[in-house]
C-alpha cells in the first residue's frame, strides 16, 4: 500500500467519532454521517476504479448495498358504511 494512502486512512480514522474510516452506502446514505449519496456517486463507487469519499464527513465509501428495504404493506382500515334512510 502506498504511504500517502495509509497516511490519509489514518487521518480519516483519527478524525471520525466512532473510528470508522471506511463505511458502506446503505439506503442511498453514507454509513458514517447518513448524508444522501447521489446516484451518480453510487455508480462510481460500484465501478471501483478510484477511491470515493463522502462529501460531508470525508470517510471512504466502500460499497453500495444493493438490497432495497421493502416496506410492509399495512392492512387497510375497514370503514363502516353509514346507512342512509
PDB file of N, CA and C in Angstrom:
ATOM      1  N   UNK A   1       0.851  -1.172   0.000  1.00  0.00           N
ATOM      2  CA  UNK A   1       0.000   0.000   0.000  1.00  0.00           C
ATOM      3  C   UNK A   1       0.900   1.240   0.000  1.00  0.00           C
ATOM      4  N   UNK A   2       0.466   2.225  -0.744  1.00  0.00           N
ATOM      5  CA  UNK A   2       1.241   3.458  -0.816  1.00  0.00           C
ATOM      6  C   UNK A   2       1.206   4.183   0.526  1.00  0.00           C
ATOM      7  N   UNK A   3       2.329   4.798   0.866  1.00  0.00           N
ATOM      8  CA  UNK A   3       2.455   5.505   2.138  1.00  0.00           C
ATOM      9  C   UNK A   3       1.436   6.639   2.259  1.00  0.00           C
ATOM     10  N   UNK A   4       1.205   7.376   1.177  1.00  0.00           N
ATOM     11  CA  UNK A   4       0.266   8.504   1.221  1.00  0.00           C
ATOM     12  C   UNK A   4      -1.165   8.038   1.477  1.00  0.00           C
ATOM     13  N   UNK A   5      -1.536   6.875   0.934  1.00  0.00           N
ATOM     14  CA  UNK A   5      -2.873   6.338   1.171  1.00  0.00           C
ATOM     15  C   UNK A   5      -3.033   5.899   2.618  1.00  0.00           C
ATOM     16  N   UNK A   6      -1.993   5.292   3.163  1.00  0.00           N
ATOM     17  CA  UNK A   6      -2.032   4.870   4.550  1.00  0.00           C
ATOM     18  C   UNK A   6      -2.144   6.073   5.486  1.00  0.00           C
ATOM     19  N   UNK A   7      -1.408   7.135   5.191  1.00  0.00           N
ATOM     20  CA  UNK A   7      -1.494   8.359   5.998  1.00  0.00           C
ATOM     21  C   UNK A   7      -2.891   8.961   5.925  1.00  0.00           C
ATOM     22  N   UNK A   8      -3.472   8.981   4.732  1.00  0.00           N
ATOM     23  CA  UNK A   8      -4.837   9.514   4.561  1.00  0.00           C
ATOM     24  C   UNK A   8      -5.842   8.691   5.357  1.00  0.00           C
ATOM     25  N   UNK A   9      -5.702   7.377   5.287  1.00  0.00           N
ATOM     26  CA  UNK A   9      -6.601   6.486   6.030  1.00  0.00           C
ATOM     27  C   UNK A   9      -6.497   6.756   7.527  1.00  0.00           C
ATOM     28  N   UNK A  10      -5.285   6.835   8.050  1.00  0.00           N
ATOM     29  CA  UNK A  10      -5.083   7.079   9.483  1.00  0.00           C
ATOM     30  C   UNK A  10      -5.651   8.437   9.907  1.00  0.00           C
ATOM     31  N   UNK A  11      -5.520   9.442   9.044  1.00  0.00           N
ATOM     32  CA  UNK A  11      -6.046  10.764   9.352  1.00  0.00           C
ATOM     33  C   UNK A  11      -7.575  10.735   9.413  1.00  0.00           C
ATOM     34  N   UNK A  12      -8.205  10.083   8.437  1.00  0.00           N
ATOM     35  CA  UNK A  12      -9.668   9.966   8.421  1.00  0.00           C
ATOM     36  C   UNK A  12     -10.130   9.217   9.663  1.00  0.00           C
ATOM     37  N   UNK A  13      -9.436   8.141   9.991  1.00  0.00           N
ATOM     38  CA  UNK A  13      -9.828   7.320  11.135  1.00  0.00           C
ATOM     39  C   UNK A  13      -9.702   8.084  12.450  1.00  0.00           C
ATOM     40  N   UNK A  14      -8.659   8.881  12.584  1.00  0.00           N
ATOM     41  CA  UNK A  14      -8.489   9.634  13.827  1.00  0.00           C
ATOM     42  C   UNK A  14      -9.513  10.761  13.967  1.00  0.00           C
ATOM     43  N   UNK A  15     -10.002  11.285  12.836  1.00  0.00           N
ATOM     44  CA  UNK A  15     -10.992  12.362  12.873  1.00  0.00           C
ATOM     45  C   UNK A  15     -12.417  11.858  13.074  1.00  0.00           C
ATOM     46  N   UNK A  16     -12.665  10.601  12.745  1.00  0.00           N
ATOM     47  CA  UNK A  16     -14.017  10.044  12.856  1.00  0.00           C
ATOM     48  C   UNK A  16     -14.385   9.811  14.315  1.00  0.00           C
ATOM     49  N   UNK A  17     -15.610  10.141  14.663  1.00  0.00           N
ATOM     50  CA  UNK A  17     -16.079   9.995  16.044  1.00  0.00           C
ATOM     51  C   UNK A  17     -16.046   8.531  16.491  1.00  0.00           C
ATOM     52  N   UNK A  18     -16.518   7.639  15.638  1.00  0.00           N
ATOM     53  CA  UNK A  18     -16.578   6.227  16.009  1.00  0.00           C
ATOM     54  C   UNK A  18     -15.362   5.432  15.509  1.00  0.00           C
ATOM     55  N   UNK A  19     -14.391   6.094  14.906  1.00  0.00           N
ATOM     56  CA  UNK A  19     -13.173   5.426  14.457  1.00  0.00           C
ATOM     57  C   UNK A  19     -13.285   4.709  13.129  1.00  0.00           C
ATOM     58  N   UNK A  20     -14.439   4.809  12.469  1.00  0.00           N
ATOM     59  CA  UNK A  20     -14.614   4.148  11.170  1.00  0.00           C
ATOM     60  C   UNK A  20     -14.167   5.076  10.050  1.00  0.00           C
ATOM     61  N   UNK A  21     -13.206   4.610   9.269  1.00  0.00           N
ATOM     62  CA  UNK A  21     -12.725   5.405   8.148  1.00  0.00           C
ATOM     63  C   UNK A  21     -13.349   4.950   6.840  1.00  0.00           C
ATOM     64  N   UNK A  22     -13.778   3.693   6.794  1.00  0.00           N
ATOM     65  CA  UNK A  22     -14.382   3.127   5.587  1.00  0.00           C
ATOM     66  C   UNK A  22     -15.785   2.662   5.947  1.00  0.00           C
ATOM     67  N   UNK A  23     -16.774   3.173   5.210  1.00  0.00           N
ATOM     68  CA  UNK A  23     -18.171   2.846   5.505  1.00  0.00           C
ATOM     69  C   UNK A  23     -18.916   2.488   4.226  1.00  0.00           C
ATOM     70  N   UNK A  24     -19.968   1.685   4.333  1.00  0.00           N
ATOM     71  CA  UNK A  24     -20.779   1.360   3.158  1.00  0.00           C
ATOM     72  C   UNK A  24     -21.851   2.417   2.908  1.00  0.00           C
ATOM     73  N   UNK A  25     -22.443   2.342   1.730  1.00  0.00           N
ATOM     74  CA  UNK A  25     -23.600   3.175   1.411  1.00  0.00           C
ATOM     75  C   UNK A  25     -24.813   2.271   1.555  1.00  0.00           C
ATOM     76  N   UNK A  26     -25.716   2.640   2.467  1.00  0.00           N
ATOM     77  CA  UNK A  26     -26.927   1.854   2.692  1.00  0.00           C
ATOM     78  C   UNK A  26     -28.130   2.757   2.541  1.00  0.00           C
ATOM     79  N   UNK A  27     -29.098   2.260   1.793  1.00  0.00           N
ATOM     80  CA  UNK A  27     -30.338   3.019   1.545  1.00  0.00           C
ATOM     81  C   UNK A  27     -30.013   4.417   1.024  1.00  0.00           C
ATOM     82  N   UNK A  28     -29.032   4.487   0.125  1.00  0.00           N
ATOM     83  CA  UNK A  28     -28.605   5.723  -0.544  1.00  0.00           C
ATOM     84  C   UNK A  28     -28.014   6.759   0.401  1.00  0.00           C
ATOM     85  N   UNK A  29     -27.505   6.330   1.559  1.00  0.00           N
ATOM     86  CA  UNK A  29     -26.914   7.267   2.519  1.00  0.00           C
ATOM     87  C   UNK A  29     -25.554   6.755   2.987  1.00  0.00           C
ATOM     88  N   UNK A  30     -24.677   7.684   3.325  1.00  0.00           N
ATOM     89  CA  UNK A  30     -23.358   7.363   3.859  1.00  0.00           C
ATOM     90  C   UNK A  30     -23.532   6.627   5.184  1.00  0.00           C
ATOM     91  N   UNK A  31     -22.767   5.566   5.384  1.00  0.00           N
ATOM     92  CA  UNK A  31     -22.838   4.798   6.619  1.00  0.00           C
ATOM     93  C   UNK A  31     -22.215   5.505   7.811  1.00  0.00           C
ATOM     94  N   UNK A  32     -21.540   6.623   7.580  1.00  0.00           N
ATOM     95  CA  UNK A  32     -20.913   7.351   8.678  1.00  0.00           C
ATOM     96  C   UNK A  32     -21.728   8.531   9.154  1.00  0.00           C
ATOM     97  N   UNK A  33     -22.148   9.375   8.206  1.00  0.00           N
ATOM     98  CA  UNK A  33     -22.870  10.603   8.587  1.00  0.00           C
ATOM     99  C   UNK A  33     -24.326  10.602   8.138  1.00  0.00           C
ATOM    100  N   UNK A  34     -24.712   9.598   7.383  1.00  0.00           N
ATOM    101  CA  UNK A  34     -26.089   9.414   6.904  1.00  0.00           C
ATOM    102  C   UNK A  34     -26.548  10.486   5.915  1.00  0.00           C
ATOM    103  N   UNK A  35     -25.594  11.164   5.291  1.00  0.00           N
ATOM    104  CA  UNK A  35     -25.930  12.122   4.240  1.00  0.00           C
ATOM    105  C   UNK A  35     -26.267  11.336   2.969  1.00  0.00           C
ATOM    106  N   UNK A  36     -27.175  11.855   2.173  1.00  0.00           N
ATOM    107  CA  UNK A  36     -27.584  11.198   0.935  1.00  0.00           C
ATOM    108  C   UNK A  36     -26.425  11.214  -0.065  1.00  0.00           C
ATOM    109  N   UNK A  37     -26.182  10.050  -0.679  1.00  0.00           N
ATOM    110  CA  UNK A  37     -25.157   9.922  -1.712  1.00  0.00           C
ATOM    111  C   UNK A  37     -25.887   9.877  -3.053  1.00  0.00           C
ATOM    112  N   UNK A  38     -25.600  10.836  -3.952  1.00  0.00           N
ATOM    113  CA  UNK A  38     -26.311  10.878  -5.237  1.00  0.00           C
ATOM    114  C   UNK A  38     -26.107   9.599  -6.063  1.00  0.00           C
ATOM    115  N   UNK A  39     -27.076   9.257  -6.908  1.00  0.00           N
ATOM    116  CA  UNK A  39     -26.989   8.043  -7.728  1.00  0.00           C
ATOM    117  C   UNK A  39     -25.720   7.962  -8.588  1.00  0.00           C
ATOM    118  N   UNK A  40     -25.270   9.087  -9.133  1.00  0.00           N
ATOM    119  CA  UNK A  40     -24.064   9.076  -9.957  1.00  0.00           C
ATOM    120  C   UNK A  40     -22.842   8.677  -9.124  1.00  0.00           C
ATOM    121  N   UNK A  41     -22.763   9.184  -7.886  1.00  0.00           N
ATOM    122  CA  UNK A  41     -21.670   8.821  -6.980  1.00  0.00           C
ATOM    123  C   UNK A  41     -21.733   7.336  -6.646  1.00  0.00           C
ATOM    124  N   UNK A  42     -22.952   6.823  -6.443  1.00  0.00           N
ATOM    125  CA  UNK A  42     -23.116   5.403  -6.145  1.00  0.00           C
ATOM    126  C   UNK A  42     -22.620   4.550  -7.309  1.00  0.00           C
ATOM    127  N   UNK A  43     -22.883   4.994  -8.535  1.00  0.00           N
ATOM    128  CA  UNK A  43     -22.398   4.274  -9.718  1.00  0.00           C
ATOM    129  C   UNK A  43     -20.869   4.265  -9.755  1.00  0.00           C
ATOM    130  N   UNK A  44     -20.250   5.388  -9.400  1.00  0.00           N
ATOM    131  CA  UNK A  44     -18.783   5.463  -9.364  1.00  0.00           C
ATOM    132  C   UNK A  44     -18.208   4.539  -8.296  1.00  0.00           C
ATOM    133  N   UNK A  45     -18.884   4.427  -7.173  1.00  0.00           N
ATOM    134  CA  UNK A  45     -18.433   3.537  -6.102  1.00  0.00           C
ATOM    135  C   UNK A  45     -18.501   2.089  -6.572  1.00  0.00           C
ATOM    136  N   UNK A  46     -19.591   1.731  -7.268  1.00  0.00           N
ATOM    137  CA  UNK A  46     -19.747   0.363  -7.777  1.00  0.00           C
ATOM    138  C   UNK A  46     -18.655  -0.002  -8.775  1.00  0.00           C
ATOM    139  N   UNK A  47     -18.188   0.972  -9.566  1.00  0.00           N
ATOM    140  CA  UNK A  47     -17.157   0.703 -10.572  1.00  0.00           C
ATOM    141  C   UNK A  47     -15.814   0.343  -9.942  1.00  0.00           C
ATOM    142  N   UNK A  48     -15.543   0.852  -8.746  1.00  0.00           N
ATOM    143  CA  UNK A  48     -14.311   0.570  -8.001  1.00  0.00           C
ATOM    144  C   UNK A  48     -13.045   0.929  -8.770  1.00  0.00           C
ATOM    145  N   UNK A  49     -13.100   2.012  -9.522  1.00  0.00           N
ATOM    146  CA  UNK A  49     -11.926   2.460 -10.276  1.00  0.00           C
ATOM    147  C   UNK A  49     -11.079   3.447  -9.496  1.00  0.00           C
ATOM    148  N   UNK A  50     -11.713   4.144  -8.532  1.00  0.00           N
ATOM    149  CA  UNK A  50     -10.984   5.105  -7.718  1.00  0.00           C
ATOM    150  C   UNK A  50     -11.605   5.167  -6.334  1.00  0.00           C
ATOM    151  N   UNK A  51     -10.890   5.785  -5.416  1.00  0.00           N
ATOM    152  CA  UNK A  51     -11.377   5.911  -4.049  1.00  0.00           C
ATOM    153  C   UNK A  51     -12.332   7.097  -3.991  1.00  0.00           C
ATOM    154  N   UNK A  52     -13.537   6.840  -3.508  1.00  0.00           N
ATOM    155  CA  UNK A  52     -14.565   7.873  -3.395  1.00  0.00           C
ATOM    156  C   UNK A  52     -14.770   8.177  -1.914  1.00  0.00           C
ATOM    157  N   UNK A  53     -14.787   9.456  -1.582  1.00  0.00           N
ATOM    158  CA  UNK A  53     -15.017   9.851  -0.193  1.00  0.00           C
ATOM    159  C   UNK A  53     -16.332  10.614  -0.092  1.00  0.00           C
ATOM    160  N   UNK A  54     -16.938  10.553   1.089  1.00  0.00           N
ATOM    161  CA  UNK A  54     -18.181  11.276   1.351  1.00  0.00           C
ATOM    162  C   UNK A  54     -17.893  12.772   1.334  1.00  0.00           C
ATOM    163  N   UNK A  55     -18.752  13.519   0.670  1.00  0.00           N
ATOM    164  CA  UNK A  55     -18.572  14.967   0.569  1.00  0.00           C
ATOM    165  C   UNK A  55     -18.764  15.664   1.906  1.00  0.00           C
ATOM    166  N   UNK A  56     -19.478  15.029   2.829  1.00  0.00           N
ATOM    167  CA  UNK A  56     -19.817  15.673   4.097  1.00  0.00           C
ATOM    168  C   UNK A  56     -18.857  15.310   5.225  1.00  0.00           C
ATOM    169  N   UNK A  57     -18.582  14.006   5.394  1.00  0.00           N
ATOM    170  CA  UNK A  57     -17.756  13.590   6.535  1.00  0.00           C
ATOM    171  C   UNK A  57     -16.340  13.192   6.149  1.00  0.00           C
ATOM    172  N   UNK A  58     -16.075  12.981   4.866  1.00  0.00           N
ATOM    173  CA  UNK A  58     -14.732  12.650   4.421  1.00  0.00           C
ATOM    174  C   UNK A  58     -14.361  11.183   4.522  1.00  0.00           C
ATOM    175  N   UNK A  59     -15.290  10.330   4.966  1.00  0.00           N
ATOM    176  CA  UNK A  59     -14.988   8.898   5.061  1.00  0.00           C
ATOM    177  C   UNK A  59     -14.953   8.271   3.674  1.00  0.00           C
ATOM    178  N   UNK A  60     -14.235   7.165   3.563  1.00  0.00           N
ATOM    179  CA  UNK A  60     -14.134   6.429   2.306  1.00  0.00           C
ATOM    180  C   UNK A  60     -15.391   5.576   2.156  1.00  0.00           C
ATOM    181  N   UNK A  61     -16.029   5.685   0.999  1.00  0.00           N
ATOM    182  CA  UNK A  61     -17.248   4.918   0.720  1.00  0.00           C
ATOM    183  C   UNK A  61     -16.844   3.636   0.004  1.00  0.00           C
ATOM    184  N   UNK A  62     -17.092   2.494   0.647  1.00  0.00           N
ATOM    185  CA  UNK A  62     -16.559   1.226   0.169  1.00  0.00           C
ATOM    186  C   UNK A  62     -17.485   0.456  -0.758  1.00  0.00           C
ATOM    187  N   UNK A  63     -18.751   0.482  -0.534  1.00  0.00           N
ATOM    188  CA  UNK A  63     -19.653  -0.312  -1.348  1.00  0.00           C
ATOM    189  C   UNK A  63     -21.068   0.183  -1.211  1.00  0.00           C
ATOM    190  N   UNK A  64     -21.881  -0.213  -2.178  1.00  0.00           N
ATOM    191  CA  UNK A  64     -23.289   0.191  -2.170  1.00  0.00           C
ATOM    192  C   UNK A  64     -24.118  -1.045  -1.893  1.00  0.00           C
ATOM    193  N   UNK A  65     -24.954  -0.949  -0.859  1.00  0.00           N
ATOM    194  CA  UNK A  65     -25.850  -2.038  -0.509  1.00  0.00           C
ATOM    195  C   UNK A  65     -26.932  -2.108  -1.574  1.00  0.00           C
ATOM    196  N   UNK A  66     -26.983  -3.207  -2.306  1.00  0.00           N
ATOM    197  CA  UNK A  66     -27.923  -3.356  -3.418  1.00  0.00           C
ATOM    198  C   UNK A  66     -29.328  -3.699  -2.967  1.00  0.00           C
ATOM    199  N   UNK A  67     -29.462  -4.201  -1.744  1.00  0.00           N
ATOM    200  CA  UNK A  67     -30.791  -4.567  -1.256  1.00  0.00           C
ATOM    201  C   UNK A  67     -31.578  -3.318  -0.951  1.00  0.00           C
ATOM    202  N   UNK A  68     -32.801  -3.300  -1.389  1.00  0.00           N
ATOM    203  CA  UNK A  68     -33.683  -2.192  -1.067  1.00  0.00           C
ATOM    204  C   UNK A  68     -34.619  -2.643   0.033  1.00  0.00           C
ATOM    205  N   UNK A  69     -34.816  -1.772   0.979  1.00  0.00           N
ATOM    206  CA  UNK A  69     -35.725  -2.085   2.071  1.00  0.00           C
ATOM    207  C   UNK A  69     -37.152  -2.079   1.529  1.00  0.00           C
ATOM    208  N   UNK A  70     -37.869  -3.127   1.804  1.00  0.00           N
ATOM    209  CA  UNK A  70     -39.250  -3.235   1.354  1.00  0.00           C
ATOM    210  C   UNK A  70     -40.144  -2.959   2.550  1.00  0.00           C
ATOM    211  N   UNK A  71     -40.974  -1.967   2.400  1.00  0.00           N
ATOM    212  CA  UNK A  71     -41.892  -1.637   3.485  1.00  0.00           C
ATOM    213  C   UNK A  71     -43.038  -2.627   3.477  1.00  0.00           C
ATOM    214  N   UNK A  72     -43.413  -3.030   4.673  1.00  0.00           N
ATOM    215  CA  UNK A  72     -44.540  -3.933   4.779  1.00  0.00           C
ATOM    216  C   UNK A  72     -45.818  -3.178   4.462  1.00  0.00           C
ATOM    217  N   UNK A  73     -46.683  -3.858   3.730  1.00  0.00           N
ATOM    218  CA  UNK A  73     -47.953  -3.233   3.408  1.00  0.00           C
ATOM    219  C   UNK A  73     -48.846  -3.276   4.634  1.00  0.00           C
ATOM    220  N   UNK A  74     -49.409  -2.138   4.958  1.00  0.00           N
ATOM    221  CA  UNK A  74     -50.306  -2.057   6.100  1.00  0.00           C
ATOM    222  C   UNK A  74     -51.703  -2.398   5.631  1.00  0.00           C
ATOM    223  N   UNK A  75     -52.414  -3.204   6.414  1.00  0.00           N
ATOM    224  CA  UNK A  75     -53.789  -3.530   6.014  1.00  0.00           C
ATOM    225  C   UNK A  75     -54.658  -2.276   6.062  1.00  0.00           C
ATOM    226  N   UNK A  76     -55.559  -2.205   5.116  1.00  0.00           N
ATOM    227  CA  UNK A  76     -56.457  -1.063   5.068  1.00  0.00           C
ATOM    228  C   UNK A  76     -57.454  -1.143   6.209  1.00  0.00           C
ATOM    229  N   UNK A  77     -57.758   0.002   6.754  1.00  0.00           N
ATOM    230  CA  UNK A  77     -58.754   0.049   7.817  1.00  0.00           C
ATOM    231  C   UNK A  77     -60.137  -0.160   7.210  1.00  0.00           C
ATOM    232  N   UNK A  78     -60.916  -0.949   7.896  1.00  0.00           N
ATOM    233  CA  UNK A  78     -62.288  -1.148   7.434  1.00  0.00           C
ATOM    234  C   UNK A  78     -63.117   0.029   7.899  1.00  0.00           C
ATOM    235  N   UNK A  79     -63.858   0.555   6.997  1.00  0.00           N
ATOM    236  CA  UNK A  79     -64.727   1.685   7.353  1.00  0.00           C
ATOM    237  C   UNK A  79     -66.162   1.180   7.390  1.00  0.00           C
ATOM    238  N   UNK A  80     -66.882   1.758   8.303  1.00  0.00           N
ATOM    239  CA  UNK A  80     -68.291   1.384   8.419  1.00  0.00           C
ATOM    240  C   UNK A  80     -69.093   2.213   7.424  1.00  0.00           C
ATOM    241  N   UNK A  81     -69.984   1.552   6.788  1.00  0.00           N
ATOM    242  CA  UNK A  81     -70.868   2.255   5.862  1.00  0.00           C
ATOM    243  C   UNK A  81     -72.049   2.782   6.649  1.00  0.00           C
ATOM    244  N   UNK A  82     -72.341   4.002   6.445  1.00  0.00           N
ATOM    245  CA  UNK A  82     -73.489   4.609   7.118  1.00  0.00           C
ATOM    246  C   UNK A  82     -74.746   4.310   6.326  1.00  0.00           C
ATOM    247  N   UNK A  83     -75.720   3.918   7.043  1.00  0.00           N
ATOM    248  CA  UNK A  83     -76.988   3.596   6.395  1.00  0.00           C
ATOM    249  C   UNK A  83     -77.799   4.885   6.286  1.00  0.00           C
ATOM    250  N   UNK A  84     -78.101   5.252   5.092  1.00  0.00           N
ATOM    251  CA  UNK A  84     -78.856   6.482   4.855  1.00  0.00           C
ATOM    252  C   UNK A  84     -80.308   6.101   4.642  1.00  0.00           C
ATOM    253  N   UNK A  85     -81.198   6.717   5.385  1.00  0.00           N
ATOM    254  CA  UNK A  85     -82.624   6.413   5.255  1.00  0.00           C
ATOM    255  C   UNK A  85     -83.374   7.593   4.714  1.00  0.00           C
TER     256      UNK A  85
END
